[in-house]
Amino acid sequence: MDQLTSEIEFDKSVYVVTEAGKPVFHWNGSGDEVRLSSLLKAVLSFCEAMGDSVKCIKSGQSRIVFLVRGYLSYVMISRTCF
């Protein structure tokens, strides 16, 4: 996961992704939102296919938080100490 968060330029980033994995909104992103949005949606889809949901992924000082509402997924990525 550190490789994923190392591509992010800022300490905090917010993404809104459609059910199809298309980026709708990003704040403080790395500039390659399409690729990152698709990866984030793939993580969500994998968990849903397994009959589960993902709320948060933590690794070291990185945290990815997911919130799914209808056809949109809200993702916040943070690289700060907790």
C-alpha atoms as a PDB file:
ATOM      1  CA  MET A   1       0.000   0.000   0.000  1.00  0.00           C
ATOM      2  CA  ASP A   2       2.884   2.370   0.581  1.00  0.00           C
ATOM      3  CA  GLN A   3       3.559   2.266  -3.177  1.00  0.00           C
ATOM      4  CA  LEU A   4      -0.026   3.409  -3.793  1.00  0.00           C
ATOM      5  CA  THR A   5       0.167   6.241  -1.273  1.00  0.00           C
ATOM      6  CA  SER A   6       3.675   7.271  -2.359  1.00  0.00           C
ATOM      7  CA  GLU A   7       2.186   8.387  -5.683  1.00  0.00           C
ATOM      8  CA  ILE A   8       0.011  10.883  -3.883  1.00  0.00           C
ATOM      9  CA  GLU A   9       1.591  14.292  -3.694  1.00  0.00           C
ATOM     10  CA  PHE A  10      -0.195  15.524  -0.569  1.00  0.00           C
ATOM     11  CA  ASP A  11      -0.781  14.114   2.911  1.00  0.00           C
ATOM     12  CA  LYS A  12      -4.529  13.842   2.291  1.00  0.00           C
ATOM     13  CA  SER A  13      -6.480  13.135  -0.887  1.00  0.00           C
ATOM     14  CA  VAL A  14     -10.188  12.644  -1.538  1.00  0.00           C
ATOM     15  CA  TYR A  15     -11.679  10.773  -4.504  1.00  0.00           C
ATOM     16  CA  VAL A  16     -15.261  10.212  -5.629  1.00  0.00           C
ATOM     17  CA  VAL A  17     -15.584   7.249  -7.992  1.00  0.00           C
ATOM     18  CA  THR A  18     -18.650   5.940  -9.847  1.00  0.00           C
ATOM     19  CA  GLU A  19     -19.791   2.330  -9.707  1.00  0.00           C
ATOM     20  CA  ALA A  20     -18.012   1.831 -13.063  1.00  0.00           C
ATOM     21  CA  GLY A  21     -14.692   3.129 -11.650  1.00  0.00           C
ATOM     22  CA  LYS A  22     -14.827   6.518 -13.397  1.00  0.00           C
ATOM     23  CA  PRO A  23     -13.449   9.482 -11.438  1.00  0.00           C
ATOM     24  CA  VAL A  24     -16.055  12.125 -10.587  1.00  0.00           C
ATOM     25  CA  PHE A  25     -14.066  14.340  -8.228  1.00  0.00           C
ATOM     26  CA  HIS A  26     -10.615  14.494  -6.707  1.00  0.00           C
ATOM     27  CA  TRP A  27      -8.958  16.817  -4.266  1.00  0.00           C
ATOM     28  CA  ASN A  28      -5.161  16.940  -3.952  1.00  0.00           C
ATOM     29  CA  GLY A  29      -4.650  14.026  -6.301  1.00  0.00           C
ATOM     30  CA  SER A  30      -1.492  12.891  -8.048  1.00  0.00           C
ATOM     31  CA  GLY A  31      -2.630  13.858 -11.542  1.00  0.00           C
ATOM     32  CA  ASP A  32      -3.333  10.278 -12.633  1.00  0.00           C
ATOM     33  CA  GLU A  33      -6.828   9.964 -11.191  1.00  0.00           C
ATOM     34  CA  VAL A  34      -8.151   7.562 -13.831  1.00  0.00           C
ATOM     35  CA  ARG A  35      -5.605   4.860 -12.990  1.00  0.00           C
ATOM     36  CA  LEU A  36      -5.902   5.354  -9.228  1.00  0.00           C
ATOM     37  CA  SER A  37      -9.711   5.512  -9.362  1.00  0.00           C
ATOM     38  CA  SER A  38      -9.816   2.224 -11.249  1.00  0.00           C
ATOM     39  CA  LEU A  39      -7.534   0.600  -8.689  1.00  0.00           C
ATOM     40  CA  LEU A  40      -9.634   1.838  -5.776  1.00  0.00           C
ATOM     41  CA  LYS A  41     -12.819   0.576  -7.446  1.00  0.00           C
ATOM     42  CA  ALA A  42     -11.146  -2.787  -8.080  1.00  0.00           C
ATOM     43  CA  VAL A  43     -10.464  -3.126  -4.336  1.00  0.00           C
ATOM     44  CA  LEU A  44     -14.099  -2.334  -3.554  1.00  0.00           C
ATOM     45  CA  SER A  45     -15.390  -4.718  -6.237  1.00  0.00           C
ATOM     46  CA  PHE A  46     -13.163  -7.559  -5.010  1.00  0.00           C
ATOM     47  CA  CYS A  47     -14.471  -7.209  -1.471  1.00  0.00           C
ATOM     48  CA  GLU A  48     -18.080  -7.042  -2.683  1.00  0.00           C
ATOM     49  CA  ALA A  49     -17.559 -10.180  -4.800  1.00  0.00           C
ATOM     50  CA  MET A  50     -16.338 -11.988  -1.686  1.00  0.00           C
ATOM     51  CA  GLY A  51     -19.562 -10.994   0.098  1.00  0.00           C
ATOM     52  CA  ASP A  52     -17.823  -8.471   2.314  1.00  0.00           C
ATOM     53  CA  SER A  53     -17.177  -4.745   2.434  1.00  0.00           C
ATOM     54  CA  VAL A  54     -14.068  -2.739   3.182  1.00  0.00           C
ATOM     55  CA  LYS A  55     -14.190   0.310   5.424  1.00  0.00           C
ATOM     56  CA  CYS A  56     -10.520   1.045   6.020  1.00  0.00           C
ATOM     57  CA  ILE A  57      -7.072  -0.171   5.018  1.00  0.00           C
ATOM     58  CA  LYS A  58      -4.132   0.741   7.282  1.00  0.00           C
ATOM     59  CA  SER A  59      -0.439   0.228   6.657  1.00  0.00           C
ATOM     60  CA  GLY A  60       2.306   2.080   8.483  1.00  0.00           C
ATOM     61  CA  GLN A  61       1.402   5.770   8.437  1.00  0.00           C
ATOM     62  CA  SER A  62      -1.033   5.347   5.539  1.00  0.00           C
ATOM     63  CA  ARG A  63      -4.786   4.904   5.761  1.00  0.00           C
ATOM     64  CA  ILE A  64      -7.421   4.501   3.034  1.00  0.00           C
ATOM     65  CA  VAL A  65     -11.043   4.963   4.126  1.00  0.00           C
ATOM     66  CA  PHE A  66     -13.972   3.895   1.924  1.00  0.00           C
ATOM     67  CA  LEU A  67     -17.608   5.001   2.047  1.00  0.00           C
ATOM     68  CA  VAL A  68     -20.059   3.594  -0.511  1.00  0.00           C
ATOM     69  CA  ARG A  69     -23.360   5.416  -1.017  1.00  0.00           C
ATOM     70  CA  GLY A  70     -25.524   4.259  -3.910  1.00  0.00           C
ATOM     71  CA  TYR A  71     -23.611   4.477  -7.177  1.00  0.00           C
ATOM     72  CA  LEU A  72     -20.765   6.561  -5.734  1.00  0.00           C
ATOM     73  CA  SER A  73     -17.759   5.548  -3.665  1.00  0.00           C
ATOM     74  CA  TYR A  74     -15.982   8.143  -1.550  1.00  0.00           C
ATOM     75  CA  VAL A  75     -12.331   7.401  -0.806  1.00  0.00           C
ATOM     76  CA  MET A  76     -10.010   9.349   1.487  1.00  0.00           C
ATOM     77  CA  ILE A  77      -6.301   8.581   1.479  1.00  0.00           C
ATOM     78  CA  SER A  78      -4.141   9.939   4.273  1.00  0.00           C
ATOM     79  CA  ARG A  79      -0.424   9.668   5.015  1.00  0.00           C
ATOM     80  CA  THR A  80      -0.302  11.081   8.520  1.00  0.00           C
ATOM     81  CA  CYS A  81       0.504   9.636  11.919  1.00  0.00           C
ATOM     82  CA  PHE A  82      -2.447   8.282  13.893  1.00  0.00           C
END
